[in-house]
Amino acid sequence: MLTNTNHENIFLMENISNLSVLFNILFNGMITVFIVLFLVYIIGKVIIYFFDSDASTNNDDSDLKESVSQKIKDIAGGEAKIISFRKLD
C-alpha cells in the first residue's frame, strides 16, 4: 500500500525550498558578474580615451612618406618607387 506520509511531504518541501535558494544565488551571482564586467568595460574605455597616445601625437603623413621614400631610395639605389604603405600597429 502506497501512501503519502507527512514525512515525505516535508522532504519534498525542503527540496523545493533548496532549489529556490539555489536559483536565487545563481541569478544574483550572474547579475553581479555582468555588472562587474560592464564596469570593467566602461572604466577601460575611459582610461583609453584619456590616455590614448595616438590622439596626442600629430604625425604628418607627408613627412612620413618622404622619410620612407628616402630610405627606400637609399636601399634600392634610386630605382624604387613607393606605390602605397601603411603603418602596422
C-alpha atoms as a PDB file:
ATOM      1  CA  MET A   1       0.000   0.000   0.000  1.00  0.00           C
ATOM      2  CA  LEU A   2       1.480   3.311  -1.087  1.00  0.00           C
ATOM      3  CA  THR A   3       0.548   6.281   0.997  1.00  0.00           C
ATOM      4  CA  ASN A   4       1.912   9.764   1.032  1.00  0.00           C
ATOM      5  CA  THR A   5       3.076  10.349   4.582  1.00  0.00           C
ATOM      6  CA  ASN A   6       3.699  13.665   6.253  1.00  0.00           C
ATOM      7  CA  HIS A   7       7.449  12.941   6.344  1.00  0.00           C
ATOM      8  CA  GLU A   8       7.582  12.655   2.531  1.00  0.00           C
ATOM      9  CA  ASN A   9       5.744  15.968   2.134  1.00  0.00           C
ATOM     10  CA  ILE A  10       8.246  17.736   4.371  1.00  0.00           C
ATOM     11  CA  PHE A  11      11.139  16.224   2.393  1.00  0.00           C
ATOM     12  CA  LEU A  12       9.533  17.429  -0.869  1.00  0.00           C
ATOM     13  CA  MET A  13       9.036  20.933   0.528  1.00  0.00           C
ATOM     14  CA  GLU A  14      12.666  21.065   1.676  1.00  0.00           C
ATOM     15  CA  ASN A  15      13.848  20.154  -1.839  1.00  0.00           C
ATOM     16  CA  ILE A  16      11.678  22.864  -3.403  1.00  0.00           C
ATOM     17  CA  SER A  17      12.964  25.365  -0.846  1.00  0.00           C
ATOM     18  CA  ASN A  18      16.563  24.335  -1.575  1.00  0.00           C
ATOM     19  CA  LEU A  19      16.003  24.742  -5.314  1.00  0.00           C
ATOM     20  CA  SER A  20      14.562  28.220  -4.871  1.00  0.00           C
ATOM     21  CA  VAL A  21      17.556  29.223  -2.753  1.00  0.00           C
ATOM     22  CA  LEU A  22      19.948  27.785  -5.344  1.00  0.00           C
ATOM     23  CA  PHE A  23      18.248  29.616  -8.211  1.00  0.00           C
ATOM     24  CA  ASN A  24      18.235  32.813  -6.179  1.00  0.00           C
ATOM     25  CA  ILE A  25      22.003  32.508  -5.599  1.00  0.00           C
ATOM     26  CA  LEU A  26      22.528  31.664  -9.288  1.00  0.00           C
ATOM     27  CA  PHE A  27      20.636  34.695 -10.606  1.00  0.00           C
ATOM     28  CA  ASN A  28      22.156  37.077  -8.067  1.00  0.00           C
ATOM     29  CA  GLY A  29      25.634  35.813  -8.949  1.00  0.00           C
ATOM     30  CA  MET A  30      25.019  36.175 -12.685  1.00  0.00           C
ATOM     31  CA  ILE A  31      23.705  39.718 -12.281  1.00  0.00           C
ATOM     32  CA  THR A  32      26.703  40.618 -10.109  1.00  0.00           C
ATOM     33  CA  VAL A  33      29.152  39.222 -12.683  1.00  0.00           C
ATOM     34  CA  PHE A  34      27.519  41.121 -15.557  1.00  0.00           C
ATOM     35  CA  ILE A  35      27.542  44.368 -13.572  1.00  0.00           C
ATOM     36  CA  VAL A  36      31.239  43.947 -12.713  1.00  0.00           C
ATOM     37  CA  LEU A  37      32.131  43.117 -16.331  1.00  0.00           C
ATOM     38  CA  PHE A  38      30.188  46.153 -17.548  1.00  0.00           C
ATOM     39  CA  LEU A  39      32.033  48.395 -15.079  1.00  0.00           C
ATOM     40  CA  VAL A  40      35.401  46.978 -16.179  1.00  0.00           C
ATOM     41  CA  TYR A  41      34.457  47.626 -19.822  1.00  0.00           C
ATOM     42  CA  ILE A  42      33.368  51.220 -19.144  1.00  0.00           C
ATOM     43  CA  ILE A  43      36.404  52.026 -16.973  1.00  0.00           C
ATOM     44  CA  GLY A  44      38.691  50.555 -19.655  1.00  0.00           C
ATOM     45  CA  LYS A  45      37.084  52.733 -22.327  1.00  0.00           C
ATOM     46  CA  VAL A  46      37.506  55.825 -20.133  1.00  0.00           C
ATOM     47  CA  ILE A  47      41.176  55.030 -19.469  1.00  0.00           C
ATOM     48  CA  ILE A  48      41.825  54.501 -23.180  1.00  0.00           C
ATOM     49  CA  TYR A  49      40.020  57.741 -24.025  1.00  0.00           C
ATOM     50  CA  PHE A  50      42.127  59.822 -21.633  1.00  0.00           C
ATOM     51  CA  PHE A  51      45.498  58.116 -22.110  1.00  0.00           C
ATOM     52  CA  ASP A  52      45.430  57.228 -25.810  1.00  0.00           C
ATOM     53  CA  SER A  53      48.842  58.023 -27.341  1.00  0.00           C
ATOM     54  CA  ASP A  54      47.535  58.268 -30.928  1.00  0.00           C
ATOM     55  CA  ALA A  55      45.358  61.269 -30.103  1.00  0.00           C
ATOM     56  CA  SER A  56      48.209  63.236 -28.537  1.00  0.00           C
ATOM     57  CA  THR A  57      50.721  62.861 -31.382  1.00  0.00           C
ATOM     58  CA  ASN A  58      50.244  64.639 -34.668  1.00  0.00           C
ATOM     59  CA  ASN A  59      52.389  62.904 -37.276  1.00  0.00           C
ATOM     60  CA  ASP A  60      52.230  64.475 -40.677  1.00  0.00           C
ATOM     61  CA  ASP A  61      51.764  61.816 -43.376  1.00  0.00           C
ATOM     62  CA  SER A  62      53.778  63.783 -45.935  1.00  0.00           C
ATOM     63  CA  ASP A  63      56.841  63.832 -43.645  1.00  0.00           C
ATOM     64  CA  LEU A  64      56.454  60.128 -43.003  1.00  0.00           C
ATOM     65  CA  LYS A  65      56.052  59.361 -46.695  1.00  0.00           C
ATOM     66  CA  GLU A  66      59.099  61.470 -47.546  1.00  0.00           C
ATOM     67  CA  SER A  67      61.299  59.763 -44.953  1.00  0.00           C
ATOM     68  CA  VAL A  68      60.141  56.271 -46.012  1.00  0.00           C
ATOM     69  CA  SER A  69      60.655  57.181 -49.663  1.00  0.00           C
ATOM     70  CA  GLN A  70      64.173  58.442 -48.965  1.00  0.00           C
ATOM     71  CA  LYS A  71      65.139  55.282 -47.058  1.00  0.00           C
ATOM     72  CA  ILE A  72      63.816  53.030 -49.814  1.00  0.00           C
ATOM     73  CA  LYS A  73      65.675  55.040 -52.463  1.00  0.00           C
ATOM     74  CA  ASP A  74      68.862  54.759 -50.403  1.00  0.00           C
ATOM     75  CA  ILE A  75      68.473  50.990 -50.106  1.00  0.00           C
ATOM     76  CA  ALA A  76      67.380  50.363 -53.720  1.00  0.00           C
ATOM     77  CA  GLY A  77      69.805  52.828 -55.301  1.00  0.00           C
ATOM     78  CA  GLY A  78      67.218  55.335 -56.536  1.00  0.00           C
ATOM     79  CA  GLU A  79      65.271  52.923 -58.761  1.00  0.00           C
ATOM     80  CA  ALA A  80      62.397  52.153 -56.355  1.00  0.00           C
ATOM     81  CA  LYS A  81      59.043  53.865 -56.282  1.00  0.00           C
ATOM     82  CA  ILE A  82      56.527  53.705 -53.406  1.00  0.00           C
ATOM     83  CA  ILE A  83      53.069  52.711 -54.549  1.00  0.00           C
ATOM     84  CA  SER A  84      51.443  52.588 -51.119  1.00  0.00           C
ATOM     85  CA  PHE A  85      52.349  51.970 -47.497  1.00  0.00           C
ATOM     86  CA  ARG A  86      50.611  51.617 -44.167  1.00  0.00           C
ATOM     87  CA  LYS A  87      51.652  51.680 -40.547  1.00  0.00           C
ATOM     88  CA  LEU A  88      51.401  48.397 -38.680  1.00  0.00           C
ATOM     89  CA  ASP A  89      50.376  48.719 -35.044  1.00  0.00           C
END
